[in-house]
C-alpha atoms as a PDB file:
ATOM      1  CA  MET A   1     127.147  29.327  98.510  1.00  0.00           C
ATOM      2  CA  ALA A   2     123.592  30.321  97.605  1.00  0.00           C
ATOM      3  CA  THR A   3     122.809  33.516  95.696  1.00  0.00           C
ATOM      4  CA  PRO A   4     120.639  35.970  97.670  1.00  0.00           C
ATOM      5  CA  GLY A   5     117.008  36.063  96.571  1.00  0.00           C
ATOM      6  CA  PRO A   6     115.394  39.187  95.073  1.00  0.00           C
ATOM      7  CA  SER A   7     113.866  40.320  98.374  1.00  0.00           C
ATOM      8  CA  LEU A   8     117.242  40.245 100.132  1.00  0.00           C
ATOM      9  CA  VAL A   9     118.864  42.210  97.306  1.00  0.00           C
ATOM     10  CA  ALA A  10     116.015  44.761  97.286  1.00  0.00           C
ATOM     11  CA  ASN A  11     116.234  45.258 101.055  1.00  0.00           C
ATOM     12  CA  ALA A  12     120.009  45.749 100.879  1.00  0.00           C
ATOM     13  CA  ALA A  13     119.470  48.740  98.554  1.00  0.00           C
ATOM     14  CA  PHE A  14     117.397  50.504 101.222  1.00  0.00           C
ATOM     15  CA  GLU A  15     119.875  50.842 104.066  1.00  0.00           C
ATOM     16  CA  ASP A  16     118.913  52.910 107.096  1.00  0.00           C
ATOM     17  CA  GLN A  17     119.783  56.521 106.297  1.00  0.00           C
ATOM     18  CA  THR A  18     117.987  58.182 109.222  1.00  0.00           C
ATOM     19  CA  HIS A  19     121.321  59.211 110.737  1.00  0.00           C
ATOM     20  CA  LEU A  20     122.391  61.134 107.603  1.00  0.00           C
ATOM     21  CA  SER A  21     121.820  64.799 106.895  1.00  0.00           C
ATOM     22  CA  TRP A  22     122.559  67.078 103.956  1.00  0.00           C
ATOM     23  CA  HIS A  23     122.658  70.818 103.342  1.00  0.00           C
ATOM     24  CA  ASP A  24     123.886  73.068 100.578  1.00  0.00           C
ATOM     25  CA  PRO A  25     125.560  76.157 102.054  1.00  0.00           C
ATOM     26  CA  GLY A  26     125.826  77.653  98.561  1.00  0.00           C
ATOM     27  CA  TYR A  27     122.110  77.480  97.757  1.00  0.00           C
ATOM     28  CA  PRO A  28     121.390  80.981  96.401  1.00  0.00           C
ATOM     29  CA  TYR A  29     117.715  81.303  97.373  1.00  0.00           C
ATOM     30  CA  THR A  30     115.781  81.654 100.607  1.00  0.00           C
ATOM     31  CA  LEU A  31     114.034  78.429 101.535  1.00  0.00           C
ATOM     32  CA  ASN A  32     110.282  78.869 101.404  1.00  0.00           C
ATOM     33  CA  ARG A  33     107.197  77.063 100.099  1.00  0.00           C
ATOM     34  CA  GLY A  34     108.156  77.812  96.503  1.00  0.00           C
ATOM     35  CA  SER A  35     111.829  76.831  96.689  1.00  0.00           C
ATOM     36  CA  VAL A  36     112.053  73.951  99.161  1.00  0.00           C
ATOM     37  CA  MET A  37     111.274  71.218  96.611  1.00  0.00           C
ATOM     38  CA  HIS A  38     113.915  72.560  94.220  1.00  0.00           C
ATOM     39  CA  TYR A  39     116.390  72.522  97.125  1.00  0.00           C
ATOM     40  CA  PHE A  40     115.454  68.922  97.964  1.00  0.00           C
ATOM     41  CA  GLU A  41     115.976  67.901  94.317  1.00  0.00           C
ATOM     42  CA  GLN A  42     119.675  68.777  94.754  1.00  0.00           C
ATOM     43  CA  SER A  43     120.104  66.336  97.651  1.00  0.00           C
ATOM     44  CA  PRO A  44     121.358  62.741  97.429  1.00  0.00           C
ATOM     45  CA  PHE A  45     118.044  61.603  98.974  1.00  0.00           C
ATOM     46  CA  PHE A  46     116.044  62.661  95.905  1.00  0.00           C
ATOM     47  CA  ASP A  47     115.145  59.788  93.557  1.00  0.00           C
ATOM     48  CA  ARG A  48     115.837  61.070  90.037  1.00  0.00           C
ATOM     49  CA  ALA A  49     113.438  58.489  88.565  1.00  0.00           C
ATOM     50  CA  CYS A  50     110.460  59.956  90.480  1.00  0.00           C
ATOM     51  CA  ILE A  51     107.290  61.532  89.146  1.00  0.00           C
ATOM     52  CA  ASN A  52     108.565  65.013  90.093  1.00  0.00           C
ATOM     53  CA  THR A  53     111.400  64.636  87.569  1.00  0.00           C
ATOM     54  CA  LEU A  54     108.955  63.427  84.919  1.00  0.00           C
ATOM     55  CA  ALA A  55     106.771  66.493  85.564  1.00  0.00           C
ATOM     56  CA  ARG A  56     109.768  68.822  85.100  1.00  0.00           C
ATOM     57  CA  GLN A  57     110.686  67.052  81.854  1.00  0.00           C
ATOM     58  CA  GLN A  58     107.140  67.706  80.639  1.00  0.00           C
ATOM     59  CA  GLY A  59     107.437  71.412  81.468  1.00  0.00           C
ATOM     60  CA  ARG A  60     105.377  71.266  84.670  1.00  0.00           C
ATOM     61  CA  ASP A  61     106.463  72.648  88.035  1.00  0.00           C
ATOM     62  CA  PRO A  62     105.989  69.845  90.599  1.00  0.00           C
ATOM     63  CA  ALA A  63     105.411  72.445  93.346  1.00  0.00           C
ATOM     64  CA  VAL A  64     102.233  73.694  91.615  1.00  0.00           C
ATOM     65  CA  PRO A  65      99.100  71.947  92.896  1.00  0.00           C
ATOM     66  CA  GLY A  66      97.788  69.464  90.324  1.00  0.00           C
ATOM     67  CA  ALA A  67     101.044  69.183  88.345  1.00  0.00           C
ATOM     68  CA  LEU A  68     101.905  65.728  89.675  1.00  0.00           C
ATOM     69  CA  GLU A  69      98.385  64.408  89.203  1.00  0.00           C
ATOM     70  CA  ALA A  70      98.494  65.496  85.550  1.00  0.00           C
ATOM     71  CA  THR A  71     101.852  63.731  85.121  1.00  0.00           C
ATOM     72  CA  SER A  72     101.414  60.679  87.292  1.00  0.00           C
ATOM     73  CA  PRO A  73     101.663  57.287  85.651  1.00  0.00           C
ATOM     74  CA  ALA A  74     100.188  54.420  87.646  1.00  0.00           C
ATOM     75  CA  GLY A  75     102.435  54.247  90.696  1.00  0.00           C
ATOM     76  CA  GLY A  76     105.844  55.674  91.367  1.00  0.00           C
ATOM     77  CA  VAL A  77     107.585  57.857  93.901  1.00  0.00           C
ATOM     78  CA  GLU A  78     106.445  61.454  94.209  1.00  0.00           C
ATOM     79  CA  TYR A  79     107.555  64.134  96.643  1.00  0.00           C
ATOM     80  CA  VAL A  80     105.164  66.777  97.994  1.00  0.00           C
ATOM     81  CA  LEU A  81     105.369  69.428 100.694  1.00  0.00           C
ATOM     82  CA  GLU A  82     102.833  68.382 103.317  1.00  0.00           C
ATOM     83  CA  LEU A  83     103.407  71.020 105.964  1.00  0.00           C
ATOM     84  CA  GLU A  84     104.959  74.445 105.952  1.00  0.00           C
ATOM     85  CA  GLN A  85     106.067  75.987 109.248  1.00  0.00           C
END
């Protein structure tokens, strides 16, 4: 039997998760523009190897405009709040 190629293995790691949801009923803060990214960081959907984590490790708050740009290596996953309702 043949071993799956790298593209097949990579695609298997990204299964469809659009049917999943997550919430933390014990989150102690009101969700707003300043807290929503911190809340999202607690979820299983957050990639711990992202640029947001790197920014926090460097003492920057990823929710502050410009913090990710100052941290950003070439490429990588970063999470930003695009729209607040």
